């Protein structure tokens, strides 16, 4: 259990006691419900209000909700020219069993404009693509994302980034203790550039560097470590909480996004998967042999399916799609059709 900070804000239509307390109460309830906390978990709450709201103390709304043991404090909001009017802001501190990155910050009414990056997209959809190496997940995910305007998140690239860090720092990625001891020194992120995802490791663009066979082998190994998966899954869930995404990996439908609207498990003959990966790397100018790729994929299949923590497996509610004899266009059209069906149903 750790203390986490939850931000929130809302606007009020009228400078009247009832309006201020009602909107503040609605905001607090939403913050509590979305973060699955109890009143007793709350340590303290700081409220600030803009100068045009002086008909009530927002803290009174907290007391009315039964938040009686937490420390509450009201402050006037610092005045800034052209800033949002009639606004109540909240900073809540609570004991929670989640990482700070998993905390859900709540912005309601006109206050949504304060943090558009934190406001959940309406009618957003999550598509989970799982499957073994070389099944075409990344290629298809990029294709579908481009056609439908979804955000593509390659979770495998994150594990590759961890492996690359270990290789560059001469850390044995087969040694779980050594890898975990370095996790806090790894800052892994994703940037969008020219409608493509770029993967950043400690400020360096490593998008191309993480595609070598050595990194692939290391990624498969570090992905078996629970602490590594927990760190990266938290990042992946945070990204998916704010936007429509298509995410590919090994445990997206079973662990990362168990409530995804669409789950596809892509598979294929190992020889065909090795051929695809060989052609992909050859086009990028990476010198490898087919036999090396085939051996690497077989080893990764074993590692991914036999690891103790969240192994590669088909989710019970996922659609099994054998892509061995399907073209990229056929697979893409199939998944887009499934997405369209869900959207129309909503």
C-alpha atoms as a PDB file:
ATOM      1  CA  UNK A   1       0.000   0.000   0.000  1.00  0.00           C
ATOM      2  CA  UNK A   2       1.375   3.413  -0.986  1.00  0.00           C
ATOM      3  CA  UNK A   3       0.135   6.986  -0.922  1.00  0.00           C
ATOM      4  CA  UNK A   4      -0.949   8.220  -4.358  1.00  0.00           C
ATOM      5  CA  UNK A   5      -2.119  11.602  -5.601  1.00  0.00           C
ATOM      6  CA  UNK A   6      -5.345  11.907  -7.594  1.00  0.00           C
ATOM      7  CA  UNK A   7      -6.127  15.081  -9.515  1.00  0.00           C
ATOM      8  CA  UNK A   8      -9.566  16.300 -10.433  1.00  0.00           C
ATOM      9  CA  UNK A   9     -11.453  19.412 -11.508  1.00  0.00           C
ATOM     10  CA  UNK A  10     -14.929  20.512 -12.520  1.00  0.00           C
ATOM     11  CA  UNK A  11     -16.824  23.688 -13.342  1.00  0.00           C
ATOM     12  CA  UNK A  12     -19.961  25.120 -11.758  1.00  0.00           C
ATOM     13  CA  UNK A  13     -22.779  26.895 -13.607  1.00  0.00           C
ATOM     14  CA  UNK A  14     -23.799  29.241 -10.789  1.00  0.00           C
ATOM     15  CA  UNK A  15     -22.093  30.786  -7.789  1.00  0.00           C
ATOM     16  CA  UNK A  16     -24.611  29.199  -5.434  1.00  0.00           C
ATOM     17  CA  UNK A  17     -24.006  26.898  -2.478  1.00  0.00           C
ATOM     18  CA  UNK A  18     -26.101  24.078  -3.925  1.00  0.00           C
ATOM     19  CA  UNK A  19     -24.352  24.174  -7.306  1.00  0.00           C
ATOM     20  CA  UNK A  20     -20.850  24.241  -5.799  1.00  0.00           C
ATOM     21  CA  UNK A  21     -21.536  21.373  -3.403  1.00  0.00           C
ATOM     22  CA  UNK A  22     -23.391  19.241  -5.955  1.00  0.00           C
ATOM     23  CA  UNK A  23     -20.669  19.464  -8.601  1.00  0.00           C
ATOM     24  CA  UNK A  24     -17.894  18.958  -6.044  1.00  0.00           C
ATOM     25  CA  UNK A  25     -19.715  15.912  -4.662  1.00  0.00           C
ATOM     26  CA  UNK A  26     -20.129  14.469  -8.168  1.00  0.00           C
ATOM     27  CA  UNK A  27     -16.425  14.974  -8.846  1.00  0.00           C
ATOM     28  CA  UNK A  28     -15.340  13.346  -5.580  1.00  0.00           C
ATOM     29  CA  UNK A  29     -17.599  10.340  -6.101  1.00  0.00           C
ATOM     30  CA  UNK A  30     -16.188   9.845  -9.588  1.00  0.00           C
ATOM     31  CA  UNK A  31     -12.600  10.073  -8.321  1.00  0.00           C
ATOM     32  CA  UNK A  32     -13.339   7.513  -5.605  1.00  0.00           C
ATOM     33  CA  UNK A  33     -15.264   5.104  -7.845  1.00  0.00           C
ATOM     34  CA  UNK A  34     -12.857   5.189 -10.792  1.00  0.00           C
ATOM     35  CA  UNK A  35      -9.890   4.513  -8.507  1.00  0.00           C
ATOM     36  CA  UNK A  36     -11.682   1.835  -6.471  1.00  0.00           C
ATOM     37  CA  UNK A  37     -10.899   3.382  -3.088  1.00  0.00           C
ATOM     38  CA  UNK A  38     -12.900   3.668   0.109  1.00  0.00           C
ATOM     39  CA  UNK A  39     -13.504   6.831   2.123  1.00  0.00           C
ATOM     40  CA  UNK A  40     -11.208   5.422   4.793  1.00  0.00           C
ATOM     41  CA  UNK A  41      -8.339   5.193   2.291  1.00  0.00           C
ATOM     42  CA  UNK A  42      -8.326   8.965   1.806  1.00  0.00           C
ATOM     43  CA  UNK A  43      -5.595  10.783   3.742  1.00  0.00           C
ATOM     44  CA  UNK A  44      -6.243  14.375   2.746  1.00  0.00           C
ATOM     45  CA  UNK A  45      -7.884  16.566   0.107  1.00  0.00           C
ATOM     46  CA  UNK A  46      -6.925  20.060  -0.994  1.00  0.00           C
ATOM     47  CA  UNK A  47      -9.573  22.137  -2.764  1.00  0.00           C
ATOM     48  CA  UNK A  48      -8.988  25.321  -4.724  1.00  0.00           C
ATOM     49  CA  UNK A  49     -11.677  27.559  -6.226  1.00  0.00           C
ATOM     50  CA  UNK A  50     -11.553  30.443  -8.645  1.00  0.00           C
ATOM     51  CA  UNK A  51     -12.373  33.912  -7.313  1.00  0.00           C
ATOM     52  CA  UNK A  52     -15.896  33.872  -8.771  1.00  0.00           C
ATOM     53  CA  UNK A  53     -16.982  31.006  -6.478  1.00  0.00           C
ATOM     54  CA  UNK A  54     -17.483  32.246  -2.924  1.00  0.00           C
ATOM     55  CA  UNK A  55     -20.877  30.836  -1.965  1.00  0.00           C
ATOM     56  CA  UNK A  56     -19.569  27.679  -0.251  1.00  0.00           C
ATOM     57  CA  UNK A  57     -16.506  25.739   0.868  1.00  0.00           C
ATOM     58  CA  UNK A  58     -16.058  22.704  -1.436  1.00  0.00           C
ATOM     59  CA  UNK A  59     -14.715  20.716   1.524  1.00  0.00           C
ATOM     60  CA  UNK A  60     -18.258  20.636   2.892  1.00  0.00           C
ATOM     61  CA  UNK A  61     -19.172  18.294   0.042  1.00  0.00           C
ATOM     62  CA  UNK A  62     -16.520  15.832   1.223  1.00  0.00           C
ATOM     63  CA  UNK A  63     -17.883  15.825   4.756  1.00  0.00           C
ATOM     64  CA  UNK A  64     -21.382  15.217   3.393  1.00  0.00           C
ATOM     65  CA  UNK A  65     -20.056  12.132   1.575  1.00  0.00           C
ATOM     66  CA  UNK A  66     -18.826  10.685   4.861  1.00  0.00           C
ATOM     67  CA  UNK A  67     -15.168  11.615   4.405  1.00  0.00           C
ATOM     68  CA  UNK A  68     -14.754  12.521   8.062  1.00  0.00           C
ATOM     69  CA  UNK A  69     -11.257  11.350   8.987  1.00  0.00           C
ATOM     70  CA  UNK A  70      -9.262  12.862   6.126  1.00  0.00           C
ATOM     71  CA  UNK A  71      -7.688  16.292   6.470  1.00  0.00           C
ATOM     72  CA  UNK A  72      -9.479  18.829   4.242  1.00  0.00           C
ATOM     73  CA  UNK A  73      -8.385  22.310   3.231  1.00  0.00           C
ATOM     74  CA  UNK A  74      -9.833  25.025   0.963  1.00  0.00           C
ATOM     75  CA  UNK A  75      -7.685  27.554  -0.911  1.00  0.00           C
ATOM     76  CA  UNK A  76      -8.408  30.334  -3.389  1.00  0.00           C
ATOM     77  CA  UNK A  77      -7.045  29.552  -6.852  1.00  0.00           C
ATOM     78  CA  UNK A  78      -4.199  31.749  -8.059  1.00  0.00           C
ATOM     79  CA  UNK A  79      -5.594  34.241 -10.567  1.00  0.00           C
ATOM     80  CA  UNK A  80      -4.327  33.980 -14.121  1.00  0.00           C
ATOM     81  CA  UNK A  81      -5.580  36.151 -16.964  1.00  0.00           C
ATOM     82  CA  UNK A  82      -7.959  34.309 -19.348  1.00  0.00           C
ATOM     83  CA  UNK A  83      -7.903  31.184 -17.155  1.00  0.00           C
ATOM     84  CA  UNK A  84     -10.951  28.914 -16.769  1.00  0.00           C
ATOM     85  CA  UNK A  85     -13.713  30.497 -14.666  1.00  0.00           C
ATOM     86  CA  UNK A  86     -16.130  28.980 -12.112  1.00  0.00           C
ATOM     87  CA  UNK A  87     -13.717  26.107 -11.476  1.00  0.00           C
ATOM     88  CA  UNK A  88     -13.160  23.795  -8.508  1.00  0.00           C
ATOM     89  CA  UNK A  89      -9.859  21.896  -8.475  1.00  0.00           C
ATOM     90  CA  UNK A  90      -9.031  18.955  -6.239  1.00  0.00           C
ATOM     91  CA  UNK A  91      -5.874  17.194  -5.097  1.00  0.00           C
ATOM     92  CA  UNK A  92      -6.689  13.986  -3.209  1.00  0.00           C
ATOM     93  CA  UNK A  93      -4.110  11.838  -1.416  1.00  0.00           C
ATOM     94  CA  UNK A  94      -5.085   8.221  -0.707  1.00  0.00           C
ATOM     95  CA  UNK A  95      -3.607   4.829   0.157  1.00  0.00           C
ATOM     96  CA  UNK A  96      -3.787   2.657  -2.965  1.00  0.00           C
ATOM     97  CA  UNK A  97      -2.450  -0.664  -4.249  1.00  0.00           C
ATOM     98  CA  UNK A  98      -1.512   0.678  -7.693  1.00  0.00           C
ATOM     99  CA  UNK A  99       1.362   2.527  -9.287  1.00  0.00           C
ATOM    100  CA  UNK A 100       1.003   6.288  -9.694  1.00  0.00           C
ATOM    101  CA  UNK A 101       0.862   5.756 -13.464  1.00  0.00           C
ATOM    102  CA  UNK A 102      -2.317   3.689 -12.998  1.00  0.00           C
ATOM    103  CA  UNK A 103      -4.185   6.383 -11.050  1.00  0.00           C
ATOM    104  CA  UNK A 104      -7.222   7.767 -12.876  1.00  0.00           C
ATOM    105  CA  UNK A 105      -7.472  11.556 -12.760  1.00  0.00           C
ATOM    106  CA  UNK A 106     -10.964  12.951 -13.307  1.00  0.00           C
ATOM    107  CA  UNK A 107     -11.961  16.130 -15.173  1.00  0.00           C
ATOM    108  CA  UNK A 108     -15.638  16.976 -15.606  1.00  0.00           C
ATOM    109  CA  UNK A 109     -17.772  19.607 -17.345  1.00  0.00           C
ATOM    110  CA  UNK A 110     -15.803  22.562 -18.677  1.00  0.00           C
ATOM    111  CA  UNK A 111     -12.702  21.456 -16.768  1.00  0.00           C
ATOM    112  CA  UNK A 112     -12.062  18.793 -19.400  1.00  0.00           C
ATOM    113  CA  UNK A 113     -10.119  21.366 -21.385  1.00  0.00           C
ATOM    114  CA  UNK A 114      -7.546  21.633 -18.585  1.00  0.00           C
ATOM    115  CA  UNK A 115      -6.122  18.191 -19.262  1.00  0.00           C
ATOM    116  CA  UNK A 116      -7.285  16.860 -22.612  1.00  0.00           C
ATOM    117  CA  UNK A 117      -4.506  14.269 -22.381  1.00  0.00           C
ATOM    118  CA  UNK A 118      -6.135  12.764 -19.287  1.00  0.00           C
ATOM    119  CA  UNK A 119      -9.762  12.876 -20.400  1.00  0.00           C
ATOM    120  CA  UNK A 120     -10.930   9.517 -21.693  1.00  0.00           C
ATOM    121  CA  UNK A 121     -11.965   9.478 -25.330  1.00  0.00           C
ATOM    122  CA  UNK A 122     -15.687   8.892 -25.788  1.00  0.00           C
ATOM    123  CA  UNK A 123     -16.652   5.632 -27.496  1.00  0.00           C
ATOM    124  CA  UNK A 124     -13.065   4.467 -27.511  1.00  0.00           C
ATOM    125  CA  UNK A 125     -12.310   0.900 -28.492  1.00  0.00           C
ATOM    126  CA  UNK A 126      -9.508  -1.498 -27.643  1.00  0.00           C
ATOM    127  CA  UNK A 127      -8.320  -4.209 -30.010  1.00  0.00           C
ATOM    128  CA  UNK A 128      -6.015  -6.909 -28.621  1.00  0.00           C
ATOM    129  CA  UNK A 129      -3.842  -8.913 -31.026  1.00  0.00           C
ATOM    130  CA  UNK A 130      -1.981 -11.843 -29.504  1.00  0.00           C
ATOM    131  CA  UNK A 131       0.073 -14.588 -31.044  1.00  0.00           C
ATOM    132  CA  UNK A 132       3.553 -16.054 -31.452  1.00  0.00           C
ATOM    133  CA  UNK A 133       6.485 -14.362 -33.157  1.00  0.00           C
ATOM    134  CA  UNK A 134       6.137 -13.892 -36.899  1.00  0.00           C
ATOM    135  CA  UNK A 135       2.372 -14.356 -37.007  1.00  0.00           C
ATOM    136  CA  UNK A 136       2.009 -10.905 -38.556  1.00  0.00           C
ATOM    137  CA  UNK A 137       0.651  -9.034 -35.542  1.00  0.00           C
ATOM    138  CA  UNK A 138       2.725  -5.880 -35.929  1.00  0.00           C
ATOM    139  CA  UNK A 139       2.199  -5.606 -39.683  1.00  0.00           C
ATOM    140  CA  UNK A 140      -1.553  -6.042 -39.349  1.00  0.00           C
ATOM    141  CA  UNK A 141      -1.824  -3.765 -36.321  1.00  0.00           C
ATOM    142  CA  UNK A 142      -0.098  -0.951 -38.219  1.00  0.00           C
ATOM    143  CA  UNK A 143      -2.342  -1.486 -41.231  1.00  0.00           C
ATOM    144  CA  UNK A 144      -5.561  -1.453 -39.207  1.00  0.00           C
ATOM    145  CA  UNK A 145      -4.417   1.503 -37.096  1.00  0.00           C
ATOM    146  CA  UNK A 146      -3.710   3.550 -40.229  1.00  0.00           C
ATOM    147  CA  UNK A 147      -7.026   2.738 -41.886  1.00  0.00           C
ATOM    148  CA  UNK A 148      -9.188   3.339 -38.817  1.00  0.00           C
ATOM    149  CA  UNK A 149      -7.234   6.069 -37.055  1.00  0.00           C
ATOM    150  CA  UNK A 150      -6.418   3.937 -34.004  1.00  0.00           C
ATOM    151  CA  UNK A 151      -3.245   4.314 -31.960  1.00  0.00           C
ATOM    152  CA  UNK A 152      -0.924   1.375 -32.523  1.00  0.00           C
ATOM    153  CA  UNK A 153       1.053   0.165 -29.499  1.00  0.00           C
ATOM    154  CA  UNK A 154       3.744  -2.456 -30.098  1.00  0.00           C
ATOM    155  CA  UNK A 155       4.252  -3.947 -26.639  1.00  0.00           C
ATOM    156  CA  UNK A 156       6.994  -6.221 -27.905  1.00  0.00           C
ATOM    157  CA  UNK A 157       9.094  -3.145 -28.676  1.00  0.00           C
ATOM    158  CA  UNK A 158       9.025  -2.270 -24.983  1.00  0.00           C
ATOM    159  CA  UNK A 159      10.462  -5.649 -23.998  1.00  0.00           C
ATOM    160  CA  UNK A 160      13.002  -5.288 -26.774  1.00  0.00           C
ATOM    161  CA  UNK A 161      14.002  -1.946 -25.263  1.00  0.00           C
ATOM    162  CA  UNK A 162      14.687  -3.636 -21.932  1.00  0.00           C
ATOM    163  CA  UNK A 163      16.799  -6.264 -23.692  1.00  0.00           C
ATOM    164  CA  UNK A 164      18.717  -3.617 -25.638  1.00  0.00           C
ATOM    165  CA  UNK A 165      19.458  -1.734 -22.416  1.00  0.00           C
ATOM    166  CA  UNK A 166      20.898  -4.923 -20.902  1.00  0.00           C
ATOM    167  CA  UNK A 167      23.030  -5.634 -23.965  1.00  0.00           C
ATOM    168  CA  UNK A 168      24.382  -2.077 -24.131  1.00  0.00           C
ATOM    169  CA  UNK A 169      25.170  -2.063 -20.410  1.00  0.00           C
ATOM    170  CA  UNK A 170      26.751  -5.529 -20.549  1.00  0.00           C
ATOM    171  CA  UNK A 171      24.104  -6.928 -18.204  1.00  0.00           C
ATOM    172  CA  UNK A 172      23.302 -10.635 -18.531  1.00  0.00           C
ATOM    173  CA  UNK A 173      19.631 -10.647 -19.513  1.00  0.00           C
ATOM    174  CA  UNK A 174      19.454 -14.285 -18.387  1.00  0.00           C
ATOM    175  CA  UNK A 175      20.077 -13.115 -14.831  1.00  0.00           C
ATOM    176  CA  UNK A 176      16.698 -12.008 -13.491  1.00  0.00           C
ATOM    177  CA  UNK A 177      18.112 -10.341 -10.373  1.00  0.00           C
ATOM    178  CA  UNK A 178      20.541  -8.205 -12.380  1.00  0.00           C
ATOM    179  CA  UNK A 179      17.859  -7.153 -14.866  1.00  0.00           C
ATOM    180  CA  UNK A 180      15.356  -6.212 -12.165  1.00  0.00           C
ATOM    181  CA  UNK A 181      17.967  -4.197 -10.289  1.00  0.00           C
ATOM    182  CA  UNK A 182      18.287  -1.952 -13.357  1.00  0.00           C
ATOM    183  CA  UNK A 183      14.569  -1.395 -14.023  1.00  0.00           C
ATOM    184  CA  UNK A 184      14.435   1.975 -12.293  1.00  0.00           C
ATOM    185  CA  UNK A 185      17.185   3.186 -14.631  1.00  0.00           C
ATOM    186  CA  UNK A 186      15.140   2.380 -17.753  1.00  0.00           C
ATOM    187  CA  UNK A 187      12.903   5.157 -19.041  1.00  0.00           C
ATOM    188  CA  UNK A 188      10.875   3.635 -21.875  1.00  0.00           C
ATOM    189  CA  UNK A 189       8.443   5.692 -23.912  1.00  0.00           C
ATOM    190  CA  UNK A 190       6.629   6.006 -27.228  1.00  0.00           C
ATOM    191  CA  UNK A 191       6.493   9.039 -29.497  1.00  0.00           C
ATOM    192  CA  UNK A 192       4.453   9.602 -32.647  1.00  0.00           C
ATOM    193  CA  UNK A 193       6.406  10.972 -35.602  1.00  0.00           C
ATOM    194  CA  UNK A 194       5.123  11.171 -39.173  1.00  0.00           C
ATOM    195  CA  UNK A 195       2.179   8.950 -38.180  1.00  0.00           C
ATOM    196  CA  UNK A 196       4.560   6.241 -36.949  1.00  0.00           C
ATOM    197  CA  UNK A 197       5.455   5.080 -33.446  1.00  0.00           C
ATOM    198  CA  UNK A 198       9.040   5.683 -32.365  1.00  0.00           C
ATOM    199  CA  UNK A 199      10.415   3.907 -29.315  1.00  0.00           C
ATOM    200  CA  UNK A 200      12.537   5.892 -26.918  1.00  0.00           C
ATOM    201  CA  UNK A 201      14.953   4.438 -24.363  1.00  0.00           C
ATOM    202  CA  UNK A 202      16.442   6.943 -21.939  1.00  0.00           C
ATOM    203  CA  UNK A 203      16.020   9.751 -24.442  1.00  0.00           C
ATOM    204  CA  UNK A 204      17.400   7.843 -27.454  1.00  0.00           C
ATOM    205  CA  UNK A 205      15.355   6.688 -30.441  1.00  0.00           C
ATOM    206  CA  UNK A 206      15.975   2.924 -30.576  1.00  0.00           C
ATOM    207  CA  UNK A 207      13.231   1.978 -33.047  1.00  0.00           C
ATOM    208  CA  UNK A 208      15.656   0.358 -35.498  1.00  0.00           C
ATOM    209  CA  UNK A 209      18.181  -0.876 -32.937  1.00  0.00           C
ATOM    210  CA  UNK A 210      15.690  -3.157 -31.187  1.00  0.00           C
ATOM    211  CA  UNK A 211      15.013  -5.325 -34.258  1.00  0.00           C
ATOM    212  CA  UNK A 212      18.149  -7.487 -34.282  1.00  0.00           C
ATOM    213  CA  UNK A 213      18.027 -11.260 -33.561  1.00  0.00           C
ATOM    214  CA  UNK A 214      20.135 -10.758 -30.429  1.00  0.00           C
ATOM    215  CA  UNK A 215      17.654  -8.255 -29.063  1.00  0.00           C
ATOM    216  CA  UNK A 216      14.776 -10.567 -30.019  1.00  0.00           C
ATOM    217  CA  UNK A 217      16.311 -13.369 -27.996  1.00  0.00           C
ATOM    218  CA  UNK A 218      16.879 -11.061 -25.042  1.00  0.00           C
ATOM    219  CA  UNK A 219      13.337  -9.676 -25.240  1.00  0.00           C
ATOM    220  CA  UNK A 220      11.859 -13.160 -25.055  1.00  0.00           C
ATOM    221  CA  UNK A 221      13.956 -13.823 -21.961  1.00  0.00           C
ATOM    222  CA  UNK A 222      13.310 -10.610 -20.011  1.00  0.00           C
ATOM    223  CA  UNK A 223       9.606 -10.916 -20.810  1.00  0.00           C
ATOM    224  CA  UNK A 224       9.496 -13.942 -18.477  1.00  0.00           C
ATOM    225  CA  UNK A 225      10.387 -11.770 -15.472  1.00  0.00           C
ATOM    226  CA  UNK A 226       7.389 -10.707 -13.399  1.00  0.00           C
ATOM    227  CA  UNK A 227       8.811  -7.336 -12.339  1.00  0.00           C
ATOM    228  CA  UNK A 228       9.600  -6.413 -15.957  1.00  0.00           C
ATOM    229  CA  UNK A 229       6.111  -7.315 -17.115  1.00  0.00           C
ATOM    230  CA  UNK A 230       4.480  -5.385 -14.264  1.00  0.00           C
ATOM    231  CA  UNK A 231       6.456  -2.233 -15.119  1.00  0.00           C
ATOM    232  CA  UNK A 232       5.610  -2.373 -18.819  1.00  0.00           C
ATOM    233  CA  UNK A 233       1.997  -3.499 -18.420  1.00  0.00           C
ATOM    234  CA  UNK A 234       1.344  -0.428 -16.257  1.00  0.00           C
ATOM    235  CA  UNK A 235       2.603   1.781 -19.105  1.00  0.00           C
ATOM    236  CA  UNK A 236       0.528  -0.122 -21.676  1.00  0.00           C
ATOM    237  CA  UNK A 237      -2.687   0.114 -19.670  1.00  0.00           C
ATOM    238  CA  UNK A 238      -2.184   3.820 -19.107  1.00  0.00           C
ATOM    239  CA  UNK A 239      -1.817   4.395 -22.851  1.00  0.00           C
ATOM    240  CA  UNK A 240      -4.974   2.401 -23.590  1.00  0.00           C
ATOM    241  CA  UNK A 241      -7.021   4.181 -20.928  1.00  0.00           C
ATOM    242  CA  UNK A 242      -7.066   7.465 -22.839  1.00  0.00           C
ATOM    243  CA  UNK A 243      -7.551   6.540 -26.486  1.00  0.00           C
ATOM    244  CA  UNK A 244      -8.705   3.952 -28.999  1.00  0.00           C
ATOM    245  CA  UNK A 245      -5.871   1.495 -29.470  1.00  0.00           C
ATOM    246  CA  UNK A 246      -4.818  -1.627 -31.270  1.00  0.00           C
ATOM    247  CA  UNK A 247      -2.180  -3.371 -29.205  1.00  0.00           C
ATOM    248  CA  UNK A 248      -0.198  -6.462 -30.092  1.00  0.00           C
ATOM    249  CA  UNK A 249       1.847  -8.772 -27.909  1.00  0.00           C
ATOM    250  CA  UNK A 250       1.736 -12.073 -26.051  1.00  0.00           C
ATOM    251  CA  UNK A 251      -0.745 -11.474 -23.209  1.00  0.00           C
ATOM    252  CA  UNK A 252      -2.816  -8.495 -24.325  1.00  0.00           C
ATOM    253  CA  UNK A 253      -6.198 -10.219 -24.300  1.00  0.00           C
ATOM    254  CA  UNK A 254      -5.489 -12.321 -21.213  1.00  0.00           C
ATOM    255  CA  UNK A 255      -3.723  -9.781 -19.001  1.00  0.00           C
ATOM    256  CA  UNK A 256      -3.006  -6.291 -20.324  1.00  0.00           C
ATOM    257  CA  UNK A 257      -6.464  -5.530 -21.760  1.00  0.00           C
ATOM    258  CA  UNK A 258      -8.750  -8.309 -20.489  1.00  0.00           C
ATOM    259  CA  UNK A 259     -11.810  -6.144 -21.223  1.00  0.00           C
ATOM    260  CA  UNK A 260     -10.838  -5.314 -24.809  1.00  0.00           C
ATOM    261  CA  UNK A 261     -13.854  -5.159 -27.118  1.00  0.00           C
ATOM    262  CA  UNK A 262     -12.083  -7.272 -29.735  1.00  0.00           C
ATOM    263  CA  UNK A 263      -9.526 -10.013 -29.150  1.00  0.00           C
ATOM    264  CA  UNK A 264      -7.772 -11.839 -31.967  1.00  0.00           C
ATOM    265  CA  UNK A 265      -5.237 -14.653 -31.514  1.00  0.00           C
ATOM    266  CA  UNK A 266      -3.137 -14.813 -34.675  1.00  0.00           C
ATOM    267  CA  UNK A 267      -1.203 -17.999 -35.397  1.00  0.00           C
ATOM    268  CA  UNK A 268       0.502 -19.730 -38.307  1.00  0.00           C
ATOM    269  CA  UNK A 269       2.920 -22.505 -39.267  1.00  0.00           C
ATOM    270  CA  UNK A 270       6.329 -21.871 -37.737  1.00  0.00           C
ATOM    271  CA  UNK A 271       8.089 -22.180 -41.120  1.00  0.00           C
ATOM    272  CA  UNK A 272       5.796 -19.582 -42.673  1.00  0.00           C
ATOM    273  CA  UNK A 273       6.297 -17.260 -39.720  1.00  0.00           C
ATOM    274  CA  UNK A 274      10.067 -17.605 -40.011  1.00  0.00           C
ATOM    275  CA  UNK A 275       9.879 -16.845 -43.734  1.00  0.00           C
ATOM    276  CA  UNK A 276       7.903 -13.652 -43.077  1.00  0.00           C
ATOM    277  CA  UNK A 277      10.318 -12.460 -40.417  1.00  0.00           C
ATOM    278  CA  UNK A 278      13.313 -13.248 -42.636  1.00  0.00           C
ATOM    279  CA  UNK A 279      11.847 -11.231 -45.516  1.00  0.00           C
ATOM    280  CA  UNK A 280      10.968  -8.365 -43.189  1.00  0.00           C
ATOM    281  CA  UNK A 281      14.505  -8.114 -41.776  1.00  0.00           C
ATOM    282  CA  UNK A 282      16.121  -8.548 -45.195  1.00  0.00           C
ATOM    283  CA  UNK A 283      14.125  -5.604 -46.562  1.00  0.00           C
ATOM    284  CA  UNK A 284      15.488  -3.524 -43.690  1.00  0.00           C
ATOM    285  CA  UNK A 285      19.049  -4.499 -44.579  1.00  0.00           C
ATOM    286  CA  UNK A 286      19.570  -6.644 -41.495  1.00  0.00           C
ATOM    287  CA  UNK A 287      21.924  -9.544 -42.305  1.00  0.00           C
ATOM    288  CA  UNK A 288      20.436 -12.827 -41.014  1.00  0.00           C
ATOM    289  CA  UNK A 289      19.826 -16.317 -42.367  1.00  0.00           C
ATOM    290  CA  UNK A 290      16.508 -18.121 -42.569  1.00  0.00           C
ATOM    291  CA  UNK A 291      17.813 -20.888 -40.319  1.00  0.00           C
ATOM    292  CA  UNK A 292      18.784 -18.348 -37.673  1.00  0.00           C
ATOM    293  CA  UNK A 293      15.319 -16.826 -37.757  1.00  0.00           C
ATOM    294  CA  UNK A 294      13.614 -20.234 -37.636  1.00  0.00           C
ATOM    295  CA  UNK A 295      15.693 -21.276 -34.625  1.00  0.00           C
ATOM    296  CA  UNK A 296      15.034 -17.949 -32.913  1.00  0.00           C
ATOM    297  CA  UNK A 297      11.265 -18.184 -33.418  1.00  0.00           C
ATOM    298  CA  UNK A 298      11.118 -21.759 -32.137  1.00  0.00           C
ATOM    299  CA  UNK A 299      13.018 -20.722 -29.026  1.00  0.00           C
ATOM    300  CA  UNK A 300      10.782 -17.693 -28.516  1.00  0.00           C
ATOM    301  CA  UNK A 301       7.678 -19.846 -28.922  1.00  0.00           C
ATOM    302  CA  UNK A 302       8.972 -22.105 -26.151  1.00  0.00           C
ATOM    303  CA  UNK A 303       9.892 -19.204 -23.867  1.00  0.00           C
ATOM    304  CA  UNK A 304       6.624 -17.356 -24.418  1.00  0.00           C
ATOM    305  CA  UNK A 305       4.327 -20.337 -23.902  1.00  0.00           C
ATOM    306  CA  UNK A 306       6.184 -21.905 -20.971  1.00  0.00           C
ATOM    307  CA  UNK A 307       6.920 -18.878 -18.788  1.00  0.00           C
ATOM    308  CA  UNK A 308       5.291 -19.018 -15.364  1.00  0.00           C
ATOM    309  CA  UNK A 309       3.897 -15.464 -15.349  1.00  0.00           C
ATOM    310  CA  UNK A 310       1.199 -14.663 -17.956  1.00  0.00           C
ATOM    311  CA  UNK A 311       2.349 -17.091 -20.657  1.00  0.00           C
ATOM    312  CA  UNK A 312       1.301 -16.850 -24.285  1.00  0.00           C
ATOM    313  CA  UNK A 313      -2.142 -18.389 -24.648  1.00  0.00           C
ATOM    314  CA  UNK A 314      -5.401 -17.684 -26.414  1.00  0.00           C
ATOM    315  CA  UNK A 315      -7.951 -15.814 -24.299  1.00  0.00           C
ATOM    316  CA  UNK A 316     -11.182 -17.761 -23.878  1.00  0.00           C
ATOM    317  CA  UNK A 317     -13.145 -15.068 -25.709  1.00  0.00           C
ATOM    318  CA  UNK A 318     -10.571 -14.431 -28.448  1.00  0.00           C
ATOM    319  CA  UNK A 319     -11.050 -15.306 -32.117  1.00  0.00           C
ATOM    320  CA  UNK A 320      -8.450 -17.782 -33.381  1.00  0.00           C
ATOM    321  CA  UNK A 321      -7.116 -16.688 -36.779  1.00  0.00           C
ATOM    322  CA  UNK A 322      -4.678 -18.912 -38.688  1.00  0.00           C
ATOM    323  CA  UNK A 323      -2.841 -16.566 -41.050  1.00  0.00           C
ATOM    324  CA  UNK A 324      -0.658 -19.210 -42.743  1.00  0.00           C
ATOM    325  CA  UNK A 325      -2.456 -18.991 -46.092  1.00  0.00           C
ATOM    326  CA  UNK A 326      -3.850 -15.469 -45.765  1.00  0.00           C
ATOM    327  CA  UNK A 327      -2.505 -12.300 -47.332  1.00  0.00           C
ATOM    328  CA  UNK A 328      -1.912  -9.150 -45.318  1.00  0.00           C
ATOM    329  CA  UNK A 329      -4.939  -7.552 -46.953  1.00  0.00           C
ATOM    330  CA  UNK A 330      -7.174 -10.513 -46.118  1.00  0.00           C
ATOM    331  CA  UNK A 331      -6.166 -10.494 -42.457  1.00  0.00           C
ATOM    332  CA  UNK A 332      -6.568  -6.723 -42.258  1.00  0.00           C
ATOM    333  CA  UNK A 333     -10.015  -6.825 -43.854  1.00  0.00           C
ATOM    334  CA  UNK A 334     -11.102  -9.583 -41.451  1.00  0.00           C
ATOM    335  CA  UNK A 335     -10.099  -7.605 -38.355  1.00  0.00           C
ATOM    336  CA  UNK A 336     -11.522  -4.340 -39.693  1.00  0.00           C
ATOM    337  CA  UNK A 337     -14.788  -6.174 -40.303  1.00  0.00           C
ATOM    338  CA  UNK A 338     -14.879  -7.324 -36.683  1.00  0.00           C
ATOM    339  CA  UNK A 339     -14.208  -3.782 -35.489  1.00  0.00           C
ATOM    340  CA  UNK A 340     -16.982  -2.418 -37.697  1.00  0.00           C
ATOM    341  CA  UNK A 341     -19.399  -4.982 -36.265  1.00  0.00           C
ATOM    342  CA  UNK A 342     -18.656  -3.817 -32.716  1.00  0.00           C
ATOM    343  CA  UNK A 343     -18.959  -0.138 -33.612  1.00  0.00           C
ATOM    344  CA  UNK A 344     -22.310  -0.676 -35.359  1.00  0.00           C
ATOM    345  CA  UNK A 345     -23.596  -2.671 -32.395  1.00  0.00           C
ATOM    346  CA  UNK A 346     -22.766   0.224 -30.058  1.00  0.00           C
END
